[in-house]
Each structure stands twice: as structure tokens, then as C-alpha cells.
Amino acid sequence: MGLFDKILGGKTEQTDVPDLEEIMQSSEGDAVSPPADFYVKRLDLRNEGDVDLVIKELTTKNVIILNLLPLSKQPNRLKGIISKLKVHAGRSNGDIALLSNEMVIMTPANVKIVKSKPKAKAGSTIIE
């Protein structure tokens, strides 16, 4: 599209990007029939009390996706809570991994997360 097309209102290029939020909302939601053996649940990590809720959910064999955004402005508090959750994951033979800077996934006992190593940048060497 050229400059004159923009000024004169020529054809505009539009890419059809599907609205994934709308597509996801149109699915069944929380209605599970028949009940499942375990669930994947998303929880917001707001304070230390939420750690108990996470541990309770993990003991009932649910996979937890934690939203860290509510505590992102309190990094020291967030680090302490994540440390507690890492200790619990180690003791219970579960696992924990970072999905993004705002999301963590935790798994119950005997469920492991495959973690990939970060790829080396061009020109750097990896020492093992």
C-alpha cells in the first residue's frame, strides 16, 4: 500500500485475525460431564493465604496455572511465596515451571513438566 493510497483512501489491507478470546468463550465453560479425575485450574496469587489454596488443589491432583500479576509490584513478597511453592513441589514430587513473567504452572505428585534449555545465542559457548 503506497502513500497515495493512504491519503486518498485507497484499498486497505486487512488481515483476518481470529478473536481467540471469543472462540474460547464459546466452548463448554466449567460444565464437566462426567466429572474428571483431575482438573487444570487457574488461580490468582494475591497473598500468602493463596499458597494454602494452591497446596490443597495440588493434593487433590489438580494442575494449577498461577497468575502472578497481582503480586508483580511486590517482588520480594513474590519471591518468598514462589520459594515456598518450589519447596512444596520438591517435597511432594510435583513440579513447577515458569510459563511467562506473569504465569507459573504447578503439577501434583508424579506429574513432571518437560523443560527446555534456553538456546545459546550466536557466538556464545555452552559449558556443561
N, C-alpha and C. Protein backbone atom coordinates (compact mmCIF):
# COMPACT_ATOMS: atom_id res chain seq x y z
N MET A 1 0.85 -1.16 0.00
CA MET A 1 0.00 0.00 0.00
C MET A 1 0.89 1.22 0.00
N GLY A 2 0.66 2.11 -0.94
CA GLY A 2 1.50 3.27 -1.09
C GLY A 2 1.00 4.46 -0.28
N LEU A 3 1.80 5.49 -0.28
CA LEU A 3 1.47 6.71 0.44
C LEU A 3 0.20 7.35 -0.12
N PHE A 4 0.07 7.39 -1.46
CA PHE A 4 -1.11 7.99 -2.06
C PHE A 4 -2.37 7.20 -1.73
N ASP A 5 -2.25 5.89 -1.64
CA ASP A 5 -3.42 5.08 -1.28
C ASP A 5 -3.89 5.43 0.13
N LYS A 6 -2.94 5.67 1.03
CA LYS A 6 -3.32 6.02 2.40
C LYS A 6 -4.01 7.38 2.43
N ILE A 7 -3.46 8.34 1.68
CA ILE A 7 -4.02 9.69 1.68
C ILE A 7 -5.38 9.72 0.98
N LEU A 8 -5.46 9.08 -0.18
CA LEU A 8 -6.68 9.12 -0.97
C LEU A 8 -7.71 8.08 -0.56
N GLY A 9 -7.37 7.26 0.40
CA GLY A 9 -8.33 6.27 0.88
C GLY A 9 -8.46 5.10 -0.04
N GLY A 10 -7.36 4.68 -0.61
CA GLY A 10 -7.37 3.51 -1.48
C GLY A 10 -7.67 2.25 -0.70
N LYS A 11 -7.48 1.11 -1.33
CA LYS A 11 -7.78 -0.15 -0.64
C LYS A 11 -6.92 -0.30 0.61
N THR A 12 -7.54 -0.82 1.60
CA THR A 12 -6.82 -1.09 2.84
C THR A 12 -6.66 -2.58 2.97
N GLU A 13 -5.50 -2.93 3.45
CA GLU A 13 -5.23 -4.35 3.67
C GLU A 13 -5.67 -4.72 5.08
N GLN A 14 -6.45 -5.76 5.17
CA GLN A 14 -6.85 -6.23 6.48
C GLN A 14 -6.52 -7.70 6.57
N THR A 15 -5.94 -8.04 7.68
CA THR A 15 -5.67 -9.45 7.90
C THR A 15 -6.74 -9.97 8.84
N ASP A 16 -7.25 -11.10 8.51
CA ASP A 16 -8.29 -11.71 9.34
C ASP A 16 -7.64 -12.48 10.48
N VAL A 17 -7.55 -11.82 11.62
CA VAL A 17 -7.01 -12.47 12.81
C VAL A 17 -8.20 -12.91 13.64
N PRO A 18 -8.30 -14.20 13.90
CA PRO A 18 -9.46 -14.66 14.67
C PRO A 18 -9.42 -14.14 16.10
N ASP A 19 -10.56 -13.84 16.64
CA ASP A 19 -10.68 -13.42 18.03
C ASP A 19 -10.66 -14.67 18.90
N LEU A 20 -9.47 -15.02 19.38
CA LEU A 20 -9.31 -16.26 20.14
C LEU A 20 -10.09 -16.23 21.45
N GLU A 21 -10.21 -15.05 22.05
CA GLU A 21 -10.98 -14.93 23.29
C GLU A 21 -12.43 -15.35 23.05
N GLU A 22 -13.00 -14.90 21.95
CA GLU A 22 -14.39 -15.24 21.62
C GLU A 22 -14.53 -16.73 21.34
N ILE A 23 -13.57 -17.29 20.63
CA ILE A 23 -13.61 -18.72 20.32
C ILE A 23 -13.54 -19.55 21.60
N MET A 24 -12.66 -19.15 22.51
CA MET A 24 -12.50 -19.89 23.76
C MET A 24 -13.75 -19.76 24.65
N GLN A 25 -14.41 -18.59 24.62
CA GLN A 25 -15.60 -18.38 25.43
C GLN A 25 -16.77 -19.21 24.94
N SER A 26 -16.79 -19.53 23.67
CA SER A 26 -17.93 -20.26 23.11
C SER A 26 -17.90 -21.74 23.46
N SER A 27 -16.81 -22.22 24.09
CA SER A 27 -16.76 -23.63 24.46
C SER A 27 -17.59 -23.87 25.71
N GLU A 28 -17.62 -25.08 26.17
CA GLU A 28 -18.49 -25.53 27.25
C GLU A 28 -18.32 -24.81 28.58
N GLY A 29 -17.24 -24.12 28.84
CA GLY A 29 -17.05 -23.46 30.13
C GLY A 29 -16.64 -24.45 31.20
N ASP A 30 -17.23 -24.32 32.39
CA ASP A 30 -16.84 -25.17 33.52
C ASP A 30 -17.71 -26.40 33.67
N ALA A 31 -18.69 -26.60 32.82
CA ALA A 31 -19.56 -27.76 32.94
C ALA A 31 -18.81 -29.00 32.49
N VAL A 32 -18.60 -29.91 33.42
CA VAL A 32 -17.87 -31.14 33.10
C VAL A 32 -18.82 -32.31 33.31
N SER A 33 -19.03 -33.03 32.27
CA SER A 33 -19.92 -34.18 32.36
C SER A 33 -19.32 -35.31 31.55
N PRO A 34 -19.00 -36.40 32.11
CA PRO A 34 -18.95 -36.76 33.53
C PRO A 34 -17.77 -36.08 34.22
N PRO A 35 -17.77 -36.08 35.57
CA PRO A 35 -16.67 -35.44 36.31
C PRO A 35 -15.32 -36.06 35.94
N ALA A 36 -14.29 -35.23 35.93
CA ALA A 36 -12.94 -35.68 35.59
C ALA A 36 -12.21 -36.16 36.84
N ASP A 37 -11.12 -36.90 36.63
CA ASP A 37 -10.30 -37.36 37.74
C ASP A 37 -9.50 -36.21 38.35
N PHE A 38 -9.07 -35.28 37.51
CA PHE A 38 -8.39 -34.08 37.98
C PHE A 38 -8.63 -32.95 36.98
N TYR A 39 -8.31 -31.74 37.40
CA TYR A 39 -8.60 -30.57 36.59
C TYR A 39 -7.36 -29.70 36.42
N VAL A 40 -7.39 -28.82 35.43
CA VAL A 40 -6.40 -27.76 35.28
C VAL A 40 -7.11 -26.50 35.72
N LYS A 41 -6.58 -25.85 36.76
CA LYS A 41 -7.24 -24.67 37.32
C LYS A 41 -6.31 -23.47 37.27
N ARG A 42 -6.89 -22.30 37.01
CA ARG A 42 -6.14 -21.06 37.02
C ARG A 42 -6.49 -20.32 38.31
N LEU A 43 -5.44 -19.93 39.06
CA LEU A 43 -5.64 -19.20 40.30
C LEU A 43 -4.80 -17.94 40.28
N ASP A 44 -5.30 -16.89 40.93
CA ASP A 44 -4.54 -15.65 41.09
C ASP A 44 -3.78 -15.72 42.40
N LEU A 45 -2.51 -15.39 42.35
CA LEU A 45 -1.67 -15.37 43.56
C LEU A 45 -1.66 -13.95 44.10
N ARG A 46 -2.45 -13.72 45.15
CA ARG A 46 -2.59 -12.38 45.71
C ARG A 46 -1.84 -12.21 47.03
N ASN A 47 -1.75 -13.29 47.83
CA ASN A 47 -1.11 -13.19 49.14
C ASN A 47 -0.68 -14.58 49.61
N GLU A 48 -0.10 -14.62 50.80
CA GLU A 48 0.41 -15.88 51.35
C GLU A 48 -0.70 -16.90 51.58
N GLY A 49 -1.92 -16.44 51.83
CA GLY A 49 -3.04 -17.35 52.04
C GLY A 49 -3.37 -18.17 50.80
N ASP A 50 -3.05 -17.64 49.65
CA ASP A 50 -3.30 -18.37 48.41
C ASP A 50 -2.38 -19.58 48.27
N VAL A 51 -1.25 -19.58 48.98
CA VAL A 51 -0.34 -20.72 48.94
C VAL A 51 -1.06 -21.96 49.48
N ASP A 52 -1.82 -21.79 50.56
CA ASP A 52 -2.56 -22.92 51.13
C ASP A 52 -3.59 -23.46 50.15
N LEU A 53 -4.25 -22.57 49.42
CA LEU A 53 -5.22 -22.99 48.41
C LEU A 53 -4.53 -23.77 47.29
N VAL A 54 -3.38 -23.29 46.85
CA VAL A 54 -2.61 -23.98 45.80
C VAL A 54 -2.22 -25.37 46.27
N ILE A 55 -1.70 -25.48 47.49
CA ILE A 55 -1.28 -26.78 48.03
C ILE A 55 -2.49 -27.72 48.15
N LYS A 56 -3.63 -27.20 48.57
CA LYS A 56 -4.85 -28.01 48.67
C LYS A 56 -5.24 -28.55 47.30
N GLU A 57 -5.20 -27.69 46.30
CA GLU A 57 -5.55 -28.12 44.94
C GLU A 57 -4.56 -29.16 44.42
N LEU A 58 -3.29 -28.99 44.72
CA LEU A 58 -2.29 -29.95 44.27
C LEU A 58 -2.48 -31.31 44.95
N THR A 59 -2.90 -31.32 46.21
CA THR A 59 -3.12 -32.59 46.90
C THR A 59 -4.33 -33.33 46.35
N THR A 60 -5.24 -32.62 45.70
CA THR A 60 -6.37 -33.28 45.05
C THR A 60 -6.06 -33.58 43.58
N LYS A 61 -4.77 -33.53 43.24
CA LYS A 61 -4.22 -33.90 41.92
C LYS A 61 -4.63 -32.98 40.79
N ASN A 62 -4.88 -31.72 41.10
CA ASN A 62 -5.18 -30.74 40.05
C ASN A 62 -3.90 -30.05 39.60
N VAL A 63 -3.85 -29.69 38.33
CA VAL A 63 -2.74 -28.91 37.79
C VAL A 63 -3.14 -27.45 37.94
N ILE A 64 -2.21 -26.62 38.43
CA ILE A 64 -2.52 -25.23 38.73
C ILE A 64 -1.71 -24.30 37.83
N ILE A 65 -2.40 -23.34 37.22
CA ILE A 65 -1.75 -22.26 36.50
C ILE A 65 -1.94 -21.02 37.36
N LEU A 66 -0.82 -20.48 37.85
CA LEU A 66 -0.85 -19.35 38.77
C LEU A 66 -0.62 -18.04 38.03
N ASN A 67 -1.51 -17.09 38.25
CA ASN A 67 -1.35 -15.75 37.73
C ASN A 67 -0.58 -14.94 38.77
N LEU A 68 0.63 -14.50 38.44
CA LEU A 68 1.48 -13.77 39.37
C LEU A 68 1.27 -12.26 39.30
N LEU A 69 0.50 -11.79 38.36
CA LEU A 69 0.34 -10.37 38.13
C LEU A 69 -0.11 -9.58 39.36
N PRO A 70 -1.04 -10.09 40.19
CA PRO A 70 -1.44 -9.30 41.37
C PRO A 70 -0.29 -8.99 42.33
N LEU A 71 0.75 -9.82 42.36
CA LEU A 71 1.88 -9.58 43.26
C LEU A 71 3.12 -9.04 42.54
N SER A 72 2.98 -8.69 41.28
CA SER A 72 4.14 -8.27 40.50
C SER A 72 4.77 -6.97 41.01
N LYS A 73 4.01 -6.15 41.70
CA LYS A 73 4.56 -4.89 42.23
C LYS A 73 5.20 -5.07 43.60
N GLN A 74 5.21 -6.31 44.09
CA GLN A 74 5.84 -6.62 45.38
C GLN A 74 6.84 -7.76 45.16
N PRO A 75 7.97 -7.49 44.50
CA PRO A 75 8.88 -8.56 44.09
C PRO A 75 9.45 -9.39 45.24
N ASN A 76 9.75 -8.78 46.36
CA ASN A 76 10.31 -9.55 47.48
C ASN A 76 9.29 -10.53 48.04
N ARG A 77 8.08 -10.07 48.17
CA ARG A 77 6.99 -10.94 48.66
C ARG A 77 6.72 -12.06 47.66
N LEU A 78 6.73 -11.73 46.37
CA LEU A 78 6.51 -12.73 45.33
C LEU A 78 7.60 -13.79 45.34
N LYS A 79 8.86 -13.37 45.50
CA LYS A 79 9.98 -14.32 45.55
C LYS A 79 9.82 -15.27 46.73
N GLY A 80 9.40 -14.75 47.89
CA GLY A 80 9.21 -15.59 49.06
C GLY A 80 8.12 -16.64 48.85
N ILE A 81 7.03 -16.22 48.25
CA ILE A 81 5.91 -17.15 48.01
C ILE A 81 6.31 -18.20 46.99
N ILE A 82 6.99 -17.80 45.91
CA ILE A 82 7.43 -18.76 44.90
C ILE A 82 8.42 -19.74 45.50
N SER A 83 9.29 -19.26 46.40
CA SER A 83 10.24 -20.17 47.07
C SER A 83 9.49 -21.23 47.88
N LYS A 84 8.44 -20.82 48.60
CA LYS A 84 7.63 -21.78 49.36
C LYS A 84 7.00 -22.82 48.43
N LEU A 85 6.49 -22.34 47.30
CA LEU A 85 5.85 -23.26 46.35
C LEU A 85 6.87 -24.21 45.73
N LYS A 86 8.09 -23.74 45.47
CA LYS A 86 9.15 -24.61 44.94
C LYS A 86 9.51 -25.69 45.94
N VAL A 87 9.60 -25.31 47.22
CA VAL A 87 9.90 -26.29 48.27
C VAL A 87 8.79 -27.34 48.33
N HIS A 88 7.55 -26.89 48.28
CA HIS A 88 6.43 -27.84 48.31
C HIS A 88 6.47 -28.78 47.10
N ALA A 89 6.74 -28.22 45.92
CA ALA A 89 6.80 -29.05 44.71
C ALA A 89 7.89 -30.12 44.85
N GLY A 90 9.03 -29.75 45.40
CA GLY A 90 10.11 -30.72 45.60
C GLY A 90 9.75 -31.80 46.61
N ARG A 91 9.15 -31.41 47.72
CA ARG A 91 8.77 -32.38 48.76
C ARG A 91 7.67 -33.33 48.31
N SER A 92 6.75 -32.82 47.51
CA SER A 92 5.60 -33.64 47.12
C SER A 92 5.83 -34.40 45.83
N ASN A 93 7.02 -34.30 45.26
CA ASN A 93 7.37 -34.95 43.99
C ASN A 93 6.52 -34.40 42.84
N GLY A 94 6.12 -33.13 42.98
CA GLY A 94 5.42 -32.44 41.90
C GLY A 94 6.43 -31.65 41.09
N ASP A 95 5.97 -30.61 40.40
CA ASP A 95 6.87 -29.80 39.60
C ASP A 95 6.32 -28.39 39.48
N ILE A 96 7.19 -27.45 39.15
CA ILE A 96 6.82 -26.06 38.96
C ILE A 96 7.67 -25.50 37.82
N ALA A 97 7.06 -24.66 36.99
CA ALA A 97 7.80 -24.06 35.87
C ALA A 97 7.18 -22.72 35.52
N LEU A 98 8.01 -21.85 34.99
CA LEU A 98 7.59 -20.53 34.56
C LEU A 98 7.04 -20.63 33.13
N LEU A 99 5.81 -20.17 32.94
CA LEU A 99 5.22 -20.12 31.59
C LEU A 99 5.53 -18.79 30.93
N SER A 100 5.43 -17.72 31.70
CA SER A 100 5.76 -16.37 31.24
C SER A 100 6.12 -15.58 32.50
N ASN A 101 6.39 -14.29 32.33
CA ASN A 101 6.72 -13.48 33.51
C ASN A 101 5.53 -13.32 34.44
N GLU A 102 4.34 -13.62 33.95
CA GLU A 102 3.13 -13.48 34.77
C GLU A 102 2.49 -14.81 35.14
N MET A 103 2.96 -15.91 34.59
CA MET A 103 2.28 -17.19 34.82
C MET A 103 3.26 -18.30 35.20
N VAL A 104 2.84 -19.11 36.16
CA VAL A 104 3.60 -20.29 36.60
C VAL A 104 2.66 -21.48 36.54
N ILE A 105 3.18 -22.63 36.18
CA ILE A 105 2.39 -23.86 36.20
C ILE A 105 2.94 -24.75 37.30
N MET A 106 2.05 -25.38 38.05
CA MET A 106 2.43 -26.33 39.10
C MET A 106 1.67 -27.63 38.87
N THR A 107 2.38 -28.74 39.08
CA THR A 107 1.76 -30.04 38.89
C THR A 107 1.78 -30.83 40.19
N PRO A 108 0.83 -31.74 40.35
CA PRO A 108 0.79 -32.56 41.56
C PRO A 108 1.86 -33.66 41.53
N ALA A 109 1.83 -34.49 42.55
CA ALA A 109 2.80 -35.58 42.68
C ALA A 109 2.83 -36.45 41.42
N ASN A 110 4.03 -36.83 41.04
CA ASN A 110 4.29 -37.74 39.93
C ASN A 110 3.87 -37.20 38.56
N VAL A 111 3.73 -35.89 38.45
CA VAL A 111 3.50 -35.26 37.15
C VAL A 111 4.65 -34.28 36.94
N LYS A 112 5.42 -34.50 35.90
CA LYS A 112 6.60 -33.67 35.64
C LYS A 112 6.38 -32.80 34.41
N ILE A 113 7.05 -31.67 34.40
CA ILE A 113 6.99 -30.71 33.30
C ILE A 113 8.28 -30.85 32.50
N VAL A 114 8.17 -31.00 31.19
CA VAL A 114 9.35 -31.06 30.34
C VAL A 114 9.82 -29.63 30.13
N LYS A 115 11.02 -29.35 30.59
CA LYS A 115 11.58 -28.00 30.49
C LYS A 115 12.70 -28.02 29.48
N SER A 116 12.66 -27.05 28.58
CA SER A 116 13.72 -26.97 27.58
C SER A 116 14.79 -26.00 28.06
N LYS A 117 16.02 -26.29 27.66
CA LYS A 117 17.12 -25.39 28.00
C LYS A 117 17.06 -24.20 27.07
N PRO A 118 17.45 -23.02 27.57
CA PRO A 118 17.47 -21.85 26.67
C PRO A 118 18.51 -22.06 25.58
N LYS A 119 18.16 -21.64 24.37
CA LYS A 119 19.06 -21.80 23.25
C LYS A 119 20.21 -20.80 23.36
N ALA A 120 21.39 -21.26 22.98
CA ALA A 120 22.57 -20.39 23.02
C ALA A 120 22.47 -19.36 21.92
N LYS A 121 22.92 -18.16 22.20
CA LYS A 121 22.94 -17.10 21.20
C LYS A 121 24.15 -17.32 20.31
N ALA A 122 24.09 -16.80 19.11
CA ALA A 122 25.19 -16.95 18.16
C ALA A 122 26.46 -16.36 18.74
N GLY A 123 27.54 -17.11 18.66
CA GLY A 123 28.83 -16.63 19.14
C GLY A 123 29.12 -16.97 20.58
N SER A 124 28.15 -17.53 21.30
CA SER A 124 28.41 -17.89 22.69
C SER A 124 28.66 -19.39 22.79
N THR A 125 29.34 -19.77 23.84
CA THR A 125 29.63 -21.18 24.05
C THR A 125 28.93 -21.66 25.30
N ILE A 126 28.54 -22.90 25.29
CA ILE A 126 27.87 -23.50 26.43
C ILE A 126 28.87 -24.43 27.10
N ILE A 127 29.07 -24.24 28.38
CA ILE A 127 29.97 -25.11 29.15
C ILE A 127 29.11 -26.00 30.02
N GLU A 128 29.28 -27.30 29.85
CA GLU A 128 28.48 -28.23 30.65
C GLU A 128 29.35 -28.94 31.64
